[in-house]
Amino acid sequence: MPPFLRGLGLGLSLIVAIGPQNAFVLRQGLARRYALLAALACAACDTGLITLGVLGVGGLLARHPALVTAGTLLGAAFLTWYGLRSLRAALNPGHAGLHAAPDGAVTAPARVIGTAAAFSLLNPHALLDTVVLIGGASAGLSGSGRTAFLLGTLLASWAWFFTLAVAGRALAPVMARPQAWRVLDLLIGATLLLTAAGLLTAAGLLRGL
């Protein structure tokens, strides 16, 4: 698979998972309160973290094969755990996605930016996704391939956040039903587990099984 599409696929498989950033942007979209600004702030934070991972941590890992293997195992373990958690949430009748969002929408531009930055930079899962996992996945790529991979992951981030912001109001009637979140969690869980298997296969760690 071309590096750009690999980056796009990995970026989407991570960013689509329900979390604080998504819940915040969706909440702003539903309320029509600076939703595009919220999406811009979250995407900008992800851009910095992903770039650090791909161009910094990724380059470091490329010079140390043992670290590449360790990073791949760590990333696959995290994806498997998150995927299984999503599947468990889908099977829980009491699960509802929007309860993770803050109560009410943020109404001041400065607070929107600050809240988005907090959800992005103070979230250990987001840091692991962007810096460690995406950086490790790019470690075996050449300079041009790494750049293409980076652009693919960045496109996934920007496209998803702005899609949430614009489509928030349209999603309101559908996402008000817990069943819709359960279906989404099923899709997320399956995607993350397949991505974990793909990372292990690409690294040759599943060879012979």
Protein backbone atom coordinates (compact mmCIF):
# COMPACT_ATOMS: atom_id res chain seq x y z
CA MET A 1 0.00 0.00 0.00
CA PRO A 2 1.39 3.49 -0.86
CA PRO A 3 2.66 5.41 2.20
CA PHE A 4 0.07 8.17 1.72
CA LEU A 5 -2.81 5.68 1.88
CA ARG A 6 -1.20 3.85 4.80
CA GLY A 7 -1.00 7.11 6.70
CA LEU A 8 -4.56 8.05 5.76
CA GLY A 9 -5.90 4.67 6.84
CA LEU A 10 -4.01 4.60 10.12
CA GLY A 11 -4.95 8.21 10.85
CA LEU A 12 -8.64 7.54 10.27
CA SER A 13 -8.61 4.33 12.30
CA LEU A 14 -7.25 6.30 15.27
CA ILE A 15 -9.05 9.63 14.96
CA VAL A 16 -12.53 8.16 14.41
CA ALA A 17 -12.44 6.45 17.83
CA ILE A 18 -14.77 8.28 20.20
CA GLY A 19 -12.76 10.44 22.59
CA PRO A 20 -12.62 13.88 24.25
CA GLN A 21 -11.59 15.73 21.06
CA ASN A 22 -14.36 14.24 18.95
CA ALA A 23 -16.97 14.73 21.64
CA PHE A 24 -15.97 18.37 22.08
CA VAL A 25 -16.04 19.20 18.35
CA LEU A 26 -19.33 17.36 17.92
CA ARG A 27 -20.87 19.21 20.86
CA GLN A 28 -19.83 22.56 19.38
CA GLY A 29 -21.27 21.50 16.02
CA LEU A 30 -24.58 20.47 17.52
CA ALA A 31 -24.83 23.83 19.31
CA ARG A 32 -23.44 25.82 16.34
CA ARG A 33 -20.97 27.55 18.65
CA TYR A 34 -17.55 28.09 17.04
CA ALA A 35 -17.52 24.54 15.73
CA LEU A 36 -15.07 25.33 12.92
CA LEU A 37 -12.74 27.04 15.39
CA ALA A 38 -12.87 23.97 17.63
CA ALA A 39 -12.06 21.73 14.65
CA LEU A 40 -9.20 24.03 13.61
CA ALA A 41 -7.69 24.03 17.10
CA CYS A 42 -7.88 20.24 17.46
CA ALA A 43 -6.46 19.66 13.98
CA ALA A 44 -3.62 22.15 14.58
CA CYS A 45 -2.65 20.38 17.82
CA ASP A 46 -2.70 17.01 16.06
CA THR A 47 -0.56 18.44 13.26
CA GLY A 48 2.16 19.40 15.72
CA LEU A 49 2.05 16.07 17.55
CA ILE A 50 1.95 13.94 14.39
CA THR A 51 4.79 15.90 12.79
CA LEU A 52 6.85 15.42 15.94
CA GLY A 53 6.16 11.71 15.85
CA VAL A 54 6.84 11.12 12.14
CA LEU A 55 9.83 13.43 11.67
CA GLY A 56 11.30 13.14 15.15
CA VAL A 57 10.45 9.89 16.88
CA GLY A 58 10.06 8.10 13.55
CA GLY A 59 13.57 9.06 12.47
CA LEU A 60 15.00 7.94 15.81
CA LEU A 61 13.25 4.58 15.60
CA ALA A 62 14.46 4.08 12.02
CA ARG A 63 18.04 3.98 13.32
CA HIS A 64 17.22 1.45 16.02
CA PRO A 65 15.44 -1.70 14.71
CA ALA A 66 14.88 -3.02 18.22
CA LEU A 67 12.95 0.12 19.09
CA VAL A 68 10.88 -0.30 15.93
CA THR A 69 9.84 -3.78 17.06
CA ALA A 70 9.11 -2.55 20.57
CA GLY A 71 7.10 0.40 19.24
CA THR A 72 5.15 -1.86 16.91
CA LEU A 73 4.31 -4.24 19.75
CA LEU A 74 3.29 -1.35 21.98
CA GLY A 75 1.15 0.17 19.27
CA ALA A 76 -0.49 -3.14 18.38
CA ALA A 77 -1.19 -3.83 22.06
CA PHE A 78 -2.77 -0.41 22.49
CA LEU A 79 -4.89 -0.80 19.34
CA THR A 80 -6.01 -4.24 20.46
CA TRP A 81 -6.94 -2.94 23.91
CA TYR A 82 -8.80 0.05 22.49
CA GLY A 83 -10.52 -2.12 19.88
CA LEU A 84 -11.68 -4.61 22.50
CA ARG A 85 -12.86 -1.72 24.66
CA SER A 86 -14.92 -0.39 21.76
CA LEU A 87 -16.46 -3.82 21.19
CA ARG A 88 -17.27 -4.10 24.89
CA ALA A 89 -18.90 -0.66 24.82
CA ALA A 90 -20.98 -1.74 21.81
CA LEU A 91 -22.26 -4.74 23.75
CA ASN A 92 -23.17 -2.62 26.78
CA PRO A 93 -26.80 -1.51 26.44
CA GLY A 94 -26.16 1.46 28.71
CA HIS A 95 -23.44 2.94 26.49
CA ALA A 96 -24.11 6.39 25.03
CA GLY A 97 -21.57 8.44 23.17
CA LEU A 98 -22.57 12.03 23.79
CA HIS A 99 -22.35 11.75 27.55
CA ALA A 100 -18.56 12.04 27.15
CA ALA A 101 -18.87 15.61 25.87
CA PRO A 102 -18.69 18.57 28.25
CA ASP A 103 -22.00 19.83 29.59
CA GLY A 104 -23.07 22.60 27.22
CA ALA A 105 -21.08 24.21 24.44
CA VAL A 106 -18.19 26.63 24.99
CA THR A 107 -19.28 30.09 23.85
CA ALA A 108 -16.09 32.22 23.91
CA PRO A 109 -13.43 31.86 21.15
CA ALA A 110 -10.50 31.90 23.60
CA ARG A 111 -12.14 29.21 25.72
CA VAL A 112 -12.83 27.11 22.62
CA ILE A 113 -9.14 27.16 21.71
CA GLY A 114 -8.05 26.48 25.27
CA THR A 115 -10.48 23.61 25.74
CA ALA A 116 -9.51 22.04 22.41
CA ALA A 117 -5.82 22.32 23.30
CA ALA A 118 -6.44 20.70 26.68
CA PHE A 119 -8.33 17.79 25.14
CA SER A 120 -5.53 17.35 22.58
CA LEU A 121 -2.36 17.89 24.59
CA LEU A 122 -3.38 16.59 28.02
CA ASN A 123 -4.84 13.33 26.74
CA PRO A 124 -2.34 10.43 27.17
CA HIS A 125 -4.15 8.40 24.52
CA ALA A 126 -3.82 11.21 21.98
CA LEU A 127 -0.10 11.56 22.73
CA LEU A 128 0.43 7.82 22.37
CA ASP A 129 -1.54 7.74 19.11
CA THR A 130 0.17 10.69 17.43
CA VAL A 131 3.74 10.66 18.70
CA VAL A 132 4.49 7.02 19.51
CA LEU A 133 2.16 4.91 17.39
CA ILE A 134 2.12 7.00 14.19
CA GLY A 135 5.81 7.82 14.61
CA GLY A 136 6.66 4.15 15.00
CA ALA A 137 4.53 3.16 12.00
CA SER A 138 6.54 5.56 9.81
CA ALA A 139 9.95 4.40 11.04
CA GLY A 140 10.68 2.05 8.15
CA LEU A 141 9.87 4.58 5.42
CA SER A 142 12.33 6.61 3.34
CA GLY A 143 12.34 10.42 3.31
CA SER A 144 9.77 10.84 0.53
CA GLY A 145 7.71 7.93 1.80
CA ARG A 146 7.69 9.36 5.30
CA THR A 147 6.54 12.73 3.97
CA ALA A 148 3.68 11.07 2.06
CA PHE A 149 2.75 9.09 5.17
CA LEU A 150 2.74 12.31 7.20
CA LEU A 151 0.48 14.06 4.69
CA GLY A 152 -1.92 11.12 4.76
CA THR A 153 -2.24 11.15 8.54
CA LEU A 154 -2.64 14.94 8.60
CA LEU A 155 -5.38 14.79 5.96
CA ALA A 156 -7.21 12.20 8.07
CA SER A 157 -7.09 14.49 11.12
CA TRP A 158 -8.18 17.69 9.37
CA ALA A 159 -10.88 16.01 7.28
CA TRP A 160 -12.41 14.21 10.27
CA PHE A 161 -12.54 17.18 12.64
CA PHE A 162 -14.06 19.52 10.07
CA THR A 163 -16.53 16.82 9.01
CA LEU A 164 -17.67 16.52 12.62
CA ALA A 165 -18.00 20.28 12.96
CA VAL A 166 -20.04 20.72 9.79
CA ALA A 167 -22.19 17.61 10.18
CA GLY A 168 -22.89 18.01 13.90
CA ARG A 169 -26.42 19.32 13.54
CA ALA A 170 -27.30 16.76 10.86
CA LEU A 171 -26.08 13.95 13.11
CA ALA A 172 -28.13 15.07 16.11
CA PRO A 173 -31.31 13.05 15.39
CA VAL A 174 -29.32 9.89 14.61
CA MET A 175 -26.79 10.06 17.42
CA ALA A 176 -29.50 10.73 19.99
CA ARG A 177 -30.17 6.98 19.84
CA PRO A 178 -27.77 4.73 21.82
CA GLN A 179 -28.09 2.06 19.12
CA ALA A 180 -26.31 4.33 16.64
CA TRP A 181 -23.33 4.65 18.98
CA ARG A 182 -23.26 0.88 19.46
CA VAL A 183 -23.02 0.34 15.69
CA LEU A 184 -20.26 2.93 15.45
CA ASP A 185 -18.35 1.30 18.31
CA LEU A 186 -18.59 -2.06 16.54
CA LEU A 187 -17.07 -0.55 13.40
CA ILE A 188 -14.36 1.20 15.41
CA GLY A 189 -13.47 -1.97 17.31
CA ALA A 190 -13.19 -4.05 14.14
CA THR A 191 -11.09 -1.38 12.41
CA LEU A 192 -8.64 -1.07 15.30
CA LEU A 193 -8.20 -4.83 15.62
CA LEU A 194 -7.56 -5.14 11.87
CA THR A 195 -5.07 -2.27 12.06
CA ALA A 196 -3.23 -3.97 14.93
CA ALA A 197 -3.00 -7.18 12.92
CA GLY A 198 -1.77 -5.19 9.92
CA LEU A 199 1.03 -3.58 11.96
CA LEU A 200 2.19 -6.94 13.27
CA THR A 201 2.01 -8.51 9.81
CA ALA A 202 3.97 -5.68 8.18
CA ALA A 203 6.68 -6.05 10.84
CA GLY A 204 6.83 -9.82 10.28
CA LEU A 205 5.75 -10.52 13.85
CA LEU A 206 2.87 -12.76 12.79
CA ARG A 207 4.97 -14.81 10.38
CA GLY A 208 4.59 -18.51 10.97
CA LEU A 209 1.40 -18.21 13.02
